[in-house]
Structures are given as structure tokens and as C-alpha cells.
N, C-alpha and C. Protein backbone atom coordinates (compact mmCIF):
# COMPACT_ATOMS: atom_id res chain seq x y z
N MET A 1 119.23 55.93 40.49
CA MET A 1 118.92 54.85 39.54
C MET A 1 118.85 55.41 38.14
N LYS A 2 118.23 56.59 37.98
CA LYS A 2 118.16 57.22 36.67
C LYS A 2 119.55 57.60 36.18
N LEU A 3 120.41 58.01 37.08
CA LEU A 3 121.78 58.37 36.70
C LEU A 3 122.52 57.17 36.13
N LEU A 4 122.31 56.01 36.77
CA LEU A 4 122.99 54.79 36.31
C LEU A 4 122.50 54.41 34.91
N LYS A 5 121.21 54.52 34.65
CA LYS A 5 120.68 54.19 33.32
C LYS A 5 121.23 55.14 32.27
N SER A 6 121.34 56.43 32.58
CA SER A 6 121.87 57.42 31.63
C SER A 6 123.31 57.12 31.29
N LEU A 7 124.11 56.75 32.26
CA LEU A 7 125.53 56.41 32.02
C LEU A 7 125.63 55.18 31.14
N SER A 8 124.80 54.19 31.41
CA SER A 8 124.86 52.96 30.61
C SER A 8 124.48 53.23 29.16
N LEU A 9 123.43 54.10 28.96
CA LEU A 9 122.99 54.42 27.61
C LEU A 9 124.08 55.18 26.85
N LEU A 10 124.70 56.14 27.48
CA LEU A 10 125.76 56.91 26.82
C LEU A 10 126.97 56.04 26.51
N PHE A 11 127.27 55.13 27.43
CA PHE A 11 128.41 54.24 27.21
C PHE A 11 128.14 53.33 26.01
N LEU A 12 126.89 52.85 25.87
CA LEU A 12 126.53 51.99 24.75
C LEU A 12 126.62 52.76 23.44
N ILE A 13 126.15 54.02 23.43
CA ILE A 13 126.23 54.84 22.22
C ILE A 13 127.67 55.05 21.82
N ALA A 14 128.54 55.23 22.80
CA ALA A 14 129.97 55.42 22.51
C ALA A 14 130.56 54.19 21.87
N LEU A 15 130.18 53.01 22.34
CA LEU A 15 130.71 51.77 21.76
C LEU A 15 130.24 51.60 20.32
N ILE A 16 128.94 51.90 20.07
CA ILE A 16 128.41 51.74 18.71
C ILE A 16 129.10 52.73 17.78
N ALA A 17 129.29 53.94 18.27
CA ALA A 17 129.93 54.95 17.43
C ALA A 17 131.35 54.55 17.07
N SER A 18 132.07 53.97 18.03
CA SER A 18 133.45 53.58 17.76
C SER A 18 133.49 52.40 16.81
N ALA A 19 132.49 51.53 16.85
CA ALA A 19 132.48 50.37 15.97
C ALA A 19 132.13 50.77 14.54
N CYS A 20 131.31 51.78 14.37
CA CYS A 20 130.86 52.18 13.05
C CYS A 20 131.78 53.20 12.40
N ALA A 21 132.71 53.67 13.12
CA ALA A 21 133.59 54.69 12.56
C ALA A 21 134.46 54.09 11.48
N PRO A 22 134.86 54.84 10.37
CA PRO A 22 135.72 54.30 9.31
C PRO A 22 137.06 53.92 9.85
N GLN A 23 137.60 52.77 9.41
CA GLN A 23 138.83 52.20 9.92
C GLN A 23 140.04 52.64 9.10
N ALA A 24 139.80 53.29 8.00
CA ALA A 24 140.93 53.58 7.12
C ALA A 24 141.87 54.57 7.75
N ALA A 25 141.32 55.62 8.28
CA ALA A 25 142.23 56.66 8.79
C ALA A 25 141.79 57.07 10.16
N PRO A 26 142.02 56.19 11.13
CA PRO A 26 141.61 56.57 12.49
C PRO A 26 142.48 57.69 13.00
N THR A 27 141.86 58.61 13.51
CA THR A 27 142.62 59.74 14.08
C THR A 27 142.96 59.49 15.53
N MET A 28 142.19 58.62 16.21
CA MET A 28 142.49 58.26 17.62
C MET A 28 142.13 56.81 17.81
N SER A 29 142.68 56.21 18.76
CA SER A 29 142.44 54.80 19.04
C SER A 29 141.04 54.62 19.61
N ALA A 30 140.59 53.37 19.57
CA ALA A 30 139.27 53.06 20.12
C ALA A 30 139.19 53.38 21.60
N ALA A 31 140.29 53.18 22.30
CA ALA A 31 140.30 53.47 23.75
C ALA A 31 140.12 54.94 24.01
N ASP A 32 140.77 55.74 23.08
CA ASP A 32 140.61 57.19 23.27
C ASP A 32 139.18 57.62 23.00
N VAL A 33 138.57 56.98 21.98
CA VAL A 33 137.18 57.33 21.68
C VAL A 33 136.28 56.99 22.84
N GLN A 34 136.53 55.81 23.42
CA GLN A 34 135.69 55.39 24.56
C GLN A 34 135.88 56.34 25.74
N THR A 35 137.12 56.71 25.98
CA THR A 35 137.40 57.63 27.10
C THR A 35 136.72 58.97 26.90
N THR A 36 136.79 59.45 25.63
CA THR A 36 136.18 60.74 25.32
C THR A 36 134.67 60.67 25.47
N ALA A 37 134.09 59.55 24.99
CA ALA A 37 132.64 59.40 25.09
C ALA A 37 132.17 59.33 26.52
N VAL A 38 132.93 58.59 27.30
CA VAL A 38 132.56 58.48 28.73
C VAL A 38 132.66 59.82 29.42
N ALA A 39 133.75 60.57 29.08
CA ALA A 39 133.91 61.89 29.70
C ALA A 39 132.78 62.82 29.33
N ALA A 40 132.38 62.73 28.01
CA ALA A 40 131.26 63.56 27.58
C ALA A 40 129.97 63.17 28.27
N ALA A 41 129.81 61.85 28.42
CA ALA A 41 128.60 61.38 29.11
C ALA A 41 128.55 61.88 30.53
N PHE A 42 129.68 61.81 31.21
CA PHE A 42 129.72 62.31 32.60
C PHE A 42 129.48 63.81 32.67
N THR A 43 129.94 64.54 31.64
CA THR A 43 129.71 66.00 31.62
C THR A 43 128.24 66.31 31.46
N VAL A 44 127.57 65.56 30.54
CA VAL A 44 126.15 65.77 30.34
C VAL A 44 125.37 65.46 31.60
N VAL A 45 125.75 64.34 32.23
CA VAL A 45 125.05 63.97 33.46
C VAL A 45 125.25 65.01 34.54
N ALA A 46 126.49 65.52 34.64
CA ALA A 46 126.78 66.52 35.67
C ALA A 46 125.97 67.79 35.43
N GLN A 47 125.89 68.19 34.11
CA GLN A 47 125.10 69.38 33.81
C GLN A 47 123.62 69.18 34.09
N THR A 48 123.15 67.95 33.79
CA THR A 48 121.75 67.65 34.06
C THR A 48 121.44 67.70 35.55
N GLN A 49 122.34 67.13 36.33
CA GLN A 49 122.14 67.13 37.78
C GLN A 49 122.19 68.54 38.35
N ALA A 50 123.08 69.37 37.75
CA ALA A 50 123.18 70.75 38.24
C ALA A 50 121.94 71.55 37.93
N ALA A 51 121.28 71.16 36.79
CA ALA A 51 120.07 71.90 36.42
C ALA A 51 118.87 71.53 37.26
N ILE A 52 118.93 70.38 37.93
CA ILE A 52 117.79 69.96 38.75
C ILE A 52 117.69 70.87 39.97
N PRO A 53 116.56 71.48 40.21
CA PRO A 53 116.45 72.36 41.39
C PRO A 53 116.59 71.55 42.68
N THR A 54 117.29 72.16 43.61
CA THR A 54 117.50 71.49 44.91
C THR A 54 116.33 71.79 45.83
N ALA A 55 116.09 70.83 46.66
CA ALA A 55 114.99 71.01 47.63
C ALA A 55 115.40 71.99 48.70
N THR A 56 114.64 73.02 48.83
CA THR A 56 114.93 74.03 49.87
C THR A 56 114.33 73.56 51.19
N PRO A 57 115.18 73.44 52.24
CA PRO A 57 114.65 72.96 53.52
C PRO A 57 113.66 73.97 54.10
N LEU A 58 112.62 73.45 54.65
CA LEU A 58 111.62 74.31 55.28
C LEU A 58 112.19 74.96 56.53
N PRO A 59 111.78 76.20 56.78
CA PRO A 59 112.29 76.84 58.01
C PRO A 59 111.80 76.08 59.25
N PRO A 60 112.66 76.04 60.23
CA PRO A 60 112.25 75.30 61.44
C PRO A 60 111.04 75.95 62.08
N THR A 61 110.16 75.13 62.54
CA THR A 61 108.97 75.64 63.21
C THR A 61 109.20 75.64 64.72
N GLU A 62 108.59 76.62 65.35
CA GLU A 62 108.75 76.72 66.79
C GLU A 62 108.04 75.57 67.48
N ALA A 63 108.79 74.95 68.36
CA ALA A 63 108.19 73.86 69.12
C ALA A 63 107.13 74.43 70.05
N PRO A 64 106.00 73.80 70.09
CA PRO A 64 104.94 74.34 70.98
C PRO A 64 105.40 74.28 72.43
N THR A 65 105.22 75.38 73.10
CA THR A 65 105.59 75.45 74.52
C THR A 65 104.33 75.35 75.36
N SER A 66 104.52 74.80 76.52
CA SER A 66 103.40 74.66 77.44
C SER A 66 103.32 75.89 78.32
N THR A 67 102.37 76.75 78.01
CA THR A 67 102.19 77.98 78.80
C THR A 67 101.25 77.70 79.96
N PRO A 68 101.74 77.91 81.20
CA PRO A 68 100.85 77.62 82.34
C PRO A 68 99.65 78.53 82.36
N LEU A 69 98.53 77.95 82.67
CA LEU A 69 97.29 78.72 82.76
C LEU A 69 97.33 79.63 83.97
N PRO A 70 96.69 80.78 83.89
CA PRO A 70 96.69 81.68 85.06
C PRO A 70 95.99 81.04 86.24
N THR A 71 96.60 81.23 87.40
CA THR A 71 96.03 80.67 88.62
C THR A 71 95.38 81.77 89.44
N ASN A 72 94.44 81.39 90.23
CA ASN A 72 93.75 82.34 91.11
C ASN A 72 94.60 82.60 92.34
N THR A 73 95.30 83.72 92.36
CA THR A 73 96.13 84.08 93.50
C THR A 73 95.31 84.91 94.45
N PRO A 74 95.12 84.46 95.70
CA PRO A 74 94.32 85.25 96.64
C PRO A 74 94.99 86.56 96.97
N VAL A 75 94.22 87.62 96.96
CA VAL A 75 94.74 88.94 97.29
C VAL A 75 94.79 89.08 98.80
N ALA A 76 95.97 89.52 99.29
CA ALA A 76 96.12 89.67 100.74
C ALA A 76 95.23 90.79 101.22
N LEU A 77 94.38 90.47 102.16
CA LEU A 77 93.48 91.48 102.72
C LEU A 77 94.17 92.21 103.85
N PRO A 78 93.92 93.49 104.00
CA PRO A 78 94.56 94.20 105.11
C PRO A 78 94.06 93.68 106.44
N THR A 79 94.99 93.54 107.36
CA THR A 79 94.64 93.04 108.68
C THR A 79 94.63 94.20 109.66
N LEU A 80 93.76 94.08 110.60
CA LEU A 80 93.66 95.10 111.63
C LEU A 80 94.49 94.68 112.81
N GLU A 81 95.45 95.50 113.17
CA GLU A 81 96.31 95.19 114.31
C GLU A 81 95.63 95.69 115.58
N VAL A 82 95.34 94.75 116.46
CA VAL A 82 94.65 95.09 117.70
C VAL A 82 95.67 95.14 118.82
N THR A 83 95.75 96.24 119.51
CA THR A 83 96.68 96.38 120.62
C THR A 83 95.89 96.66 121.89
N ALA A 84 96.28 96.02 122.96
CA ALA A 84 95.62 96.23 124.24
C ALA A 84 96.25 97.43 124.91
N THR A 85 95.45 98.37 125.28
CA THR A 85 95.96 99.56 125.94
C THR A 85 95.33 99.68 127.31
N THR A 86 96.11 100.15 128.22
CA THR A 86 95.62 100.39 129.57
C THR A 86 95.31 101.86 129.71
N ALA A 87 94.15 102.18 130.19
CA ALA A 87 93.75 103.58 130.32
C ALA A 87 94.73 104.31 131.22
N ALA A 88 95.25 105.42 130.70
CA ALA A 88 96.20 106.20 131.48
C ALA A 88 95.48 106.86 132.64
N LEU A 89 96.16 106.87 133.77
CA LEU A 89 95.58 107.50 134.96
C LEU A 89 95.90 108.98 134.90
N SER A 90 94.89 109.77 134.82
CA SER A 90 95.10 111.22 134.75
C SER A 90 95.25 111.78 136.15
N ALA A 91 96.08 112.79 136.24
CA ALA A 91 96.29 113.40 137.55
C ALA A 91 95.02 114.11 137.99
N PRO A 92 94.66 113.99 139.27
CA PRO A 92 93.45 114.67 139.76
C PRO A 92 93.56 116.16 139.55
N THR A 93 92.45 116.76 139.21
CA THR A 93 92.43 118.20 138.98
C THR A 93 91.39 118.85 139.87
N SER A 94 91.53 120.13 140.07
CA SER A 94 90.54 120.89 140.84
C SER A 94 90.29 122.20 140.12
N SER A 95 89.14 122.81 140.37
CA SER A 95 88.78 124.06 139.71
C SER A 95 88.97 125.21 140.68
N GLY A 96 89.64 126.25 140.22
CA GLY A 96 89.84 127.43 141.04
C GLY A 96 88.64 128.35 140.97
N SER A 97 88.80 129.54 141.55
CA SER A 97 87.69 130.49 141.58
C SER A 97 87.34 130.98 140.18
N SER A 98 88.33 130.96 139.25
CA SER A 98 88.07 131.44 137.90
C SER A 98 87.42 130.37 137.04
N GLY A 99 87.33 129.14 137.55
CA GLY A 99 86.72 128.04 136.80
C GLY A 99 87.73 127.26 135.99
N ALA A 100 88.98 127.72 135.89
CA ALA A 100 90.00 127.00 135.12
C ALA A 100 90.50 125.81 135.93
N ALA A 101 90.73 124.70 135.24
CA ALA A 101 91.20 123.49 135.92
C ALA A 101 92.68 123.63 136.25
N THR A 102 93.04 123.28 137.46
CA THR A 102 94.43 123.32 137.90
C THR A 102 94.83 121.93 138.36
N VAL A 103 96.11 121.58 138.19
CA VAL A 103 96.60 120.26 138.57
C VAL A 103 96.72 120.17 140.08
N ASP A 104 96.23 119.05 140.62
CA ASP A 104 96.31 118.80 142.06
C ASP A 104 97.78 118.76 142.48
N PRO A 105 98.20 119.55 143.48
CA PRO A 105 99.60 119.53 143.91
C PRO A 105 100.04 118.18 144.47
N CYS A 106 99.08 117.31 144.81
CA CYS A 106 99.42 116.00 145.35
C CYS A 106 99.53 114.92 144.27
N ALA A 107 99.38 115.32 143.00
CA ALA A 107 99.28 114.33 141.93
C ALA A 107 100.51 113.45 141.83
N ASN A 108 101.69 114.00 142.08
CA ASN A 108 102.93 113.23 141.95
C ASN A 108 103.59 112.97 143.30
N ARG A 109 102.84 113.08 144.36
CA ARG A 109 103.43 112.91 145.70
C ARG A 109 103.17 111.50 146.20
N VAL A 110 104.17 110.92 146.86
CA VAL A 110 104.03 109.60 147.48
C VAL A 110 103.56 109.80 148.92
N LEU A 111 102.49 109.08 149.26
CA LEU A 111 101.96 109.19 150.63
C LEU A 111 102.95 108.57 151.60
N SER A 112 103.26 109.32 152.64
CA SER A 112 104.28 108.87 153.60
C SER A 112 103.80 107.66 154.39
N GLY A 113 104.73 106.98 155.05
CA GLY A 113 104.40 105.81 155.86
C GLY A 113 103.81 106.16 157.21
N SER A 114 103.84 107.44 157.58
CA SER A 114 103.24 107.86 158.85
C SER A 114 102.54 109.21 158.64
N PRO A 115 101.45 109.18 157.91
CA PRO A 115 100.75 110.44 157.63
C PRO A 115 100.13 111.04 158.90
N GLN A 116 100.01 112.35 158.89
CA GLN A 116 99.42 113.06 160.03
C GLN A 116 97.90 113.15 159.84
N GLY A 117 97.16 112.87 160.94
CA GLY A 117 95.71 112.95 160.89
C GLY A 117 95.08 111.90 161.78
N ARG A 118 93.78 111.83 161.75
CA ARG A 118 93.07 110.84 162.54
C ARG A 118 93.21 109.47 161.87
N PRO A 119 93.67 108.47 162.58
CA PRO A 119 93.97 107.17 161.96
C PRO A 119 92.71 106.39 161.56
N THR A 120 92.92 105.50 160.62
CA THR A 120 91.87 104.57 160.20
C THR A 120 92.53 103.34 159.58
N ILE A 121 91.73 102.33 159.29
CA ILE A 121 92.23 101.08 158.69
C ILE A 121 91.47 100.83 157.39
N ILE A 122 92.20 100.48 156.35
CA ILE A 122 91.59 100.20 155.04
C ILE A 122 91.98 98.79 154.60
N ARG A 123 90.98 98.05 154.17
CA ARG A 123 91.20 96.71 153.63
C ARG A 123 90.84 96.74 152.14
N ILE A 124 91.74 96.20 151.31
CA ILE A 124 91.49 96.10 149.86
C ILE A 124 91.41 94.62 149.51
N ALA A 125 90.24 94.18 149.02
CA ALA A 125 90.02 92.77 148.70
C ALA A 125 90.02 92.58 147.18
N ASN A 126 90.84 91.65 146.73
CA ASN A 126 90.90 91.31 145.30
C ASN A 126 89.96 90.13 145.05
N THR A 127 88.81 90.39 144.44
CA THR A 127 87.83 89.32 144.19
C THR A 127 87.97 88.72 142.79
N THR A 128 88.98 89.14 142.02
CA THR A 128 89.17 88.64 140.66
C THR A 128 90.05 87.39 140.67
N LYS A 129 90.21 86.78 139.50
CA LYS A 129 91.03 85.57 139.35
C LYS A 129 92.40 85.88 138.77
N ALA A 130 92.90 87.09 139.05
CA ALA A 130 94.21 87.49 138.55
C ALA A 130 94.92 88.33 139.59
N ASP A 131 96.24 88.28 139.58
CA ASP A 131 97.02 89.17 140.43
C ASP A 131 96.85 90.59 139.91
N ILE A 132 96.70 91.55 140.82
CA ILE A 132 96.44 92.92 140.42
C ILE A 132 97.40 93.88 141.10
N THR A 133 97.48 95.07 140.51
CA THR A 133 98.19 96.19 141.13
C THR A 133 97.16 97.26 141.44
N VAL A 134 97.19 97.75 142.67
CA VAL A 134 96.23 98.76 143.11
C VAL A 134 96.98 100.05 143.45
N SER A 135 96.49 101.14 142.89
CA SER A 135 97.04 102.45 143.22
C SER A 135 96.02 103.17 144.11
N LEU A 136 96.43 103.53 145.33
CA LEU A 136 95.55 104.19 146.31
C LEU A 136 95.99 105.64 146.42
N TYR A 137 95.04 106.55 146.30
CA TYR A 137 95.34 107.98 146.34
C TYR A 137 94.51 108.66 147.42
N LEU A 138 95.20 109.35 148.33
CA LEU A 138 94.53 110.13 149.38
C LEU A 138 94.45 111.58 148.94
N ASN A 139 93.22 112.08 148.82
CA ASN A 139 93.05 113.49 148.52
C ASN A 139 93.55 114.33 149.70
N GLU A 140 93.95 115.54 149.44
CA GLU A 140 94.55 116.38 150.47
C GLU A 140 93.55 116.61 151.61
N THR A 141 93.99 116.32 152.83
CA THR A 141 93.13 116.51 153.99
C THR A 141 93.13 118.00 154.40
N ALA A 142 92.00 118.42 154.96
CA ALA A 142 91.86 119.85 155.30
C ALA A 142 92.73 120.26 156.47
N SER A 143 92.89 119.37 157.46
CA SER A 143 93.57 119.78 158.69
C SER A 143 95.09 119.63 158.61
N LYS A 144 95.58 118.51 158.08
CA LYS A 144 97.01 118.23 158.11
C LYS A 144 97.69 118.39 156.75
N GLY A 145 96.92 118.50 155.70
CA GLY A 145 97.53 118.66 154.38
C GLY A 145 98.20 117.40 153.85
N GLU A 146 97.80 116.22 154.35
CA GLU A 146 98.38 114.96 153.87
C GLU A 146 97.72 114.56 152.55
N CYS A 147 98.52 114.02 151.65
CA CYS A 147 97.99 113.54 150.37
C CYS A 147 99.07 112.75 149.64
N GLY A 148 98.64 112.06 148.58
CA GLY A 148 99.63 111.33 147.77
C GLY A 148 99.19 109.92 147.43
N TYR A 149 100.09 109.19 146.74
CA TYR A 149 99.81 107.85 146.23
C TYR A 149 100.56 106.79 147.01
N ARG A 150 99.98 105.60 146.95
CA ARG A 150 100.66 104.36 147.33
C ARG A 150 100.20 103.27 146.37
N SER A 151 101.01 102.25 146.19
CA SER A 151 100.60 101.14 145.32
C SER A 151 100.83 99.82 146.05
N TYR A 152 99.98 98.83 145.74
CA TYR A 152 100.03 97.51 146.37
C TYR A 152 99.78 96.44 145.31
N VAL A 153 100.51 95.33 145.42
CA VAL A 153 100.29 94.17 144.56
C VAL A 153 99.54 93.13 145.39
N ILE A 154 98.37 92.71 144.89
CA ILE A 154 97.52 91.79 145.64
C ILE A 154 97.27 90.54 144.78
N LYS A 155 97.50 89.38 145.37
CA LYS A 155 97.29 88.12 144.66
C LYS A 155 95.80 87.91 144.40
N LYS A 156 95.50 87.03 143.45
CA LYS A 156 94.10 86.75 143.13
C LYS A 156 93.38 86.14 144.33
N ASN A 157 92.12 86.53 144.49
CA ASN A 157 91.28 86.05 145.60
C ASN A 157 91.96 86.25 146.95
N SER A 158 92.66 87.37 147.07
CA SER A 158 93.34 87.67 148.32
C SER A 158 93.04 89.11 148.70
N ASP A 159 93.60 89.57 149.85
CA ASP A 159 93.38 90.94 150.28
C ASP A 159 94.58 91.45 151.05
N VAL A 160 94.56 92.76 151.29
CA VAL A 160 95.61 93.39 152.08
C VAL A 160 94.94 94.39 153.03
N THR A 161 95.44 94.45 154.26
CA THR A 161 94.91 95.38 155.26
C THR A 161 95.99 96.41 155.59
N ILE A 162 95.62 97.69 155.49
CA ILE A 162 96.58 98.78 155.69
C ILE A 162 96.15 99.55 156.94
N SER A 163 97.04 99.58 157.93
CA SER A 163 96.67 100.17 159.24
C SER A 163 97.34 101.51 159.51
N ASP A 164 98.18 102.00 158.57
CA ASP A 164 98.87 103.27 158.82
C ASP A 164 98.34 104.39 157.91
N LEU A 165 97.01 104.44 157.78
CA LEU A 165 96.38 105.47 156.97
C LEU A 165 95.55 106.40 157.85
N VAL A 166 95.13 107.50 157.26
CA VAL A 166 94.35 108.48 158.01
C VAL A 166 93.00 108.66 157.34
N GLN A 167 92.08 109.22 158.10
CA GLN A 167 90.74 109.45 157.58
C GLN A 167 90.78 110.53 156.49
N GLY A 168 89.95 110.32 155.50
CA GLY A 168 89.92 111.25 154.38
C GLY A 168 89.22 110.60 153.19
N CYS A 169 89.31 111.23 152.04
CA CYS A 169 88.68 110.70 150.82
C CYS A 169 89.75 110.04 149.95
N TYR A 170 89.45 108.82 149.49
CA TYR A 170 90.41 108.03 148.71
C TYR A 170 89.85 107.69 147.33
N ASN A 171 90.76 107.63 146.39
CA ASN A 171 90.46 107.11 145.05
C ASN A 171 91.38 105.92 144.80
N LEU A 172 90.81 104.86 144.23
CA LEU A 172 91.59 103.65 143.96
C LEU A 172 91.44 103.27 142.48
N TRP A 173 92.55 102.76 141.89
CA TRP A 173 92.55 102.18 140.55
C TRP A 173 93.20 100.80 140.63
N ALA A 174 92.71 99.87 139.84
CA ALA A 174 93.26 98.52 139.83
C ALA A 174 93.38 98.03 138.39
N TRP A 175 94.44 97.28 138.11
CA TRP A 175 94.63 96.70 136.77
C TRP A 175 95.50 95.44 136.89
N SER A 176 95.50 94.66 135.81
CA SER A 176 96.26 93.42 135.78
C SER A 176 96.91 93.24 134.42
N ASN A 177 98.10 92.62 134.39
CA ASN A 177 98.79 92.32 133.14
C ASN A 177 98.50 90.91 132.64
N ASN A 178 97.57 90.24 133.31
CA ASN A 178 97.20 88.88 132.90
C ASN A 178 96.33 88.97 131.64
N ASN A 179 96.83 88.35 130.53
CA ASN A 179 96.09 88.43 129.26
C ASN A 179 94.79 87.64 129.28
N ASN A 180 94.69 86.68 130.17
CA ASN A 180 93.50 85.83 130.21
C ASN A 180 92.39 86.40 131.08
N VAL A 181 92.74 87.31 131.98
CA VAL A 181 91.73 87.91 132.87
C VAL A 181 91.85 89.42 132.76
N HIS A 182 90.77 90.05 132.35
CA HIS A 182 90.78 91.50 132.18
C HIS A 182 90.34 92.18 133.48
N VAL A 183 91.25 93.00 134.02
CA VAL A 183 90.93 93.78 135.21
C VAL A 183 91.37 95.21 134.95
N ASN A 184 90.44 96.12 134.99
CA ASN A 184 90.77 97.54 134.78
C ASN A 184 89.59 98.37 135.28
N GLY A 185 89.70 98.86 136.51
CA GLY A 185 88.58 99.59 137.09
C GLY A 185 89.03 100.56 138.15
N GLY A 186 88.10 101.36 138.62
CA GLY A 186 88.41 102.34 139.64
C GLY A 186 87.19 102.62 140.51
N GLY A 187 87.44 103.31 141.62
CA GLY A 187 86.37 103.64 142.55
C GLY A 187 86.94 104.44 143.71
N GLY A 188 86.11 104.74 144.67
CA GLY A 188 86.60 105.49 145.81
C GLY A 188 85.50 105.76 146.82
N GLY A 189 85.91 106.44 147.91
CA GLY A 189 84.97 106.78 148.98
C GLY A 189 85.67 107.55 150.07
N CYS A 190 84.87 108.15 150.96
CA CYS A 190 85.41 108.95 152.05
C CYS A 190 85.25 108.22 153.39
N ILE A 191 86.28 108.28 154.22
CA ILE A 191 86.30 107.58 155.51
C ILE A 191 86.32 108.65 156.62
N ASN A 192 85.41 108.47 157.59
CA ASN A 192 85.29 109.49 158.64
C ASN A 192 85.37 108.93 160.05
N ASN A 193 85.85 107.69 160.20
CA ASN A 193 86.07 107.14 161.55
C ASN A 193 87.21 106.14 161.50
N ASP A 194 87.52 105.54 162.67
CA ASP A 194 88.68 104.65 162.74
C ASP A 194 88.31 103.18 162.55
N ASP A 195 87.12 102.89 162.06
CA ASP A 195 86.76 101.50 161.76
C ASP A 195 87.56 100.98 160.55
N LYS A 196 87.42 99.69 160.32
CA LYS A 196 88.07 99.09 159.13
C LYS A 196 87.13 99.23 157.94
N TRP A 197 87.59 99.94 156.94
CA TRP A 197 86.81 100.17 155.73
C TRP A 197 87.35 99.26 154.62
N THR A 198 86.40 98.77 153.79
CA THR A 198 86.79 97.79 152.77
C THR A 198 86.45 98.31 151.36
N PHE A 199 87.41 98.08 150.47
CA PHE A 199 87.22 98.32 149.03
C PHE A 199 87.35 96.96 148.33
N GLU A 200 86.32 96.57 147.58
CA GLU A 200 86.34 95.31 146.84
C GLU A 200 86.66 95.57 145.37
N VAL A 201 87.73 94.93 144.88
CA VAL A 201 88.16 95.11 143.48
C VAL A 201 87.47 94.06 142.62
N LYS A 202 86.71 94.52 141.65
CA LYS A 202 86.09 93.64 140.67
C LYS A 202 86.78 93.85 139.32
N SER A 203 86.34 93.12 138.28
CA SER A 203 87.04 93.18 137.00
C SER A 203 86.97 94.55 136.34
N ASP A 204 85.88 95.31 136.58
CA ASP A 204 85.73 96.59 135.91
C ASP A 204 85.39 97.74 136.84
N THR A 205 85.42 97.51 138.14
CA THR A 205 85.11 98.58 139.09
C THR A 205 85.65 98.22 140.46
N ILE A 206 85.66 99.22 141.34
CA ILE A 206 86.03 99.01 142.75
C ILE A 206 84.86 99.47 143.59
N LYS A 207 84.35 98.55 144.40
CA LYS A 207 83.18 98.83 145.20
C LYS A 207 83.58 99.24 146.62
N PHE A 208 83.04 100.36 147.09
CA PHE A 208 83.31 100.83 148.45
C PHE A 208 82.27 100.24 149.38
N VAL A 209 82.72 99.28 150.21
CA VAL A 209 81.78 98.52 151.04
C VAL A 209 81.53 99.24 152.38
N GLY A 210 82.54 99.79 152.97
CA GLY A 210 82.38 100.42 154.29
C GLY A 210 82.82 99.50 155.41
N PRO A 211 82.63 99.95 156.63
CA PRO A 211 83.07 99.15 157.80
C PRO A 211 82.17 97.94 158.04
């Protein structure tokens, strides 16, 4: 708006100047004077506009970002790995005259199906609520030298009767792979006649009942 007013004022001054100029010896026509005045006016305006300081744009500001607040992350606690182990059956040992322990020569021997010696009958009763495996071991007999292992699988609340055994001292171990019923025990006893002898398997022991 100010530019328009300045142009109008300069244009009016140019007209007055051309009207008041002496007419006797014009050096240029009125049109030329007007053109020159207008050109000068535009030059002045252009110089004035150039002298006006330009607005410097402000530097862009960073847009605020939404930084997530720290969250409470639970620290993983170390876990204890629990493994079920079955007690290893150690081979029977005996002490010699020097007192040093020696491995029983019958430790890895399988008891034959017709051992030599005075016969007897053994009953093994499973009183637990799980199927079990029983390992029966006959210690070496003095007269016939019979010894070794046998194993039997007995259903829960059931029993087995073995009639092809001989009199002597026996050790028994029983265990089960049932995760819901824990059975892991041992026991033993010596038999000295041909009656029926009974071993009762419980969850943590084997009881020698006798005939």
C-alpha cells in the first residue's frame, strides 16, 4: 500500500514539473518527461525496497518427541533345575585279611535257573501302588558256591513266588519309574529251611517277614 502511494506521489510531481517547465525551447516532449519521471520514480522505489531489511526466518525448532517412560522390567531369577536320580546299586564288597575292601566276585553274575544247594521258596510281595522292578541277589553260598542276581517286574499290589532258589542270604532292591509314586528301597535276610519266605516291598524299604 505504501508502494502504491509513493508511485502516485512521484507521478504527480512529474506531471507538475512537466507543466511548469518553459515551453520556449523544449528539449524533450512531455511524454518523454513523463516516461523519465516514472522511470526515476520506479528506481527510487526499487532502491528503497532494497534497503529495507528482509525478515530472517527463524531456525526450525525440534518437534517435541514422546519419550517413553522407563518401565519396570522384572529381572529373571535363576531357577533351580531339579532332577530325579535313582540311587546307584553298588556292587557288594567284602574285606580281606588285610582289611582292604575287595569286589565280590558274584557282583556281575546272573543267578542260574537251577542253582545248586538246599532248595527253598521265596515270595516277593509288592505292597505299593506302582509297578516295580526288584533285583534279588544271592550271596555266595559256602557249600556250592552259588551266587548272583535276578530281576523281576511285579505289578502294583501283586506278588511273585519263586520256587527254584536255594537257601542262603539274600539282598533285595526295589524301584519304580512311576513319577506319581516314589518307590526306592532295599532289604534282605537269610533263609535256612525249605519253607516259603516272604519279602514285603514298601515305598522306602523291604521288610523280611519270614515263613
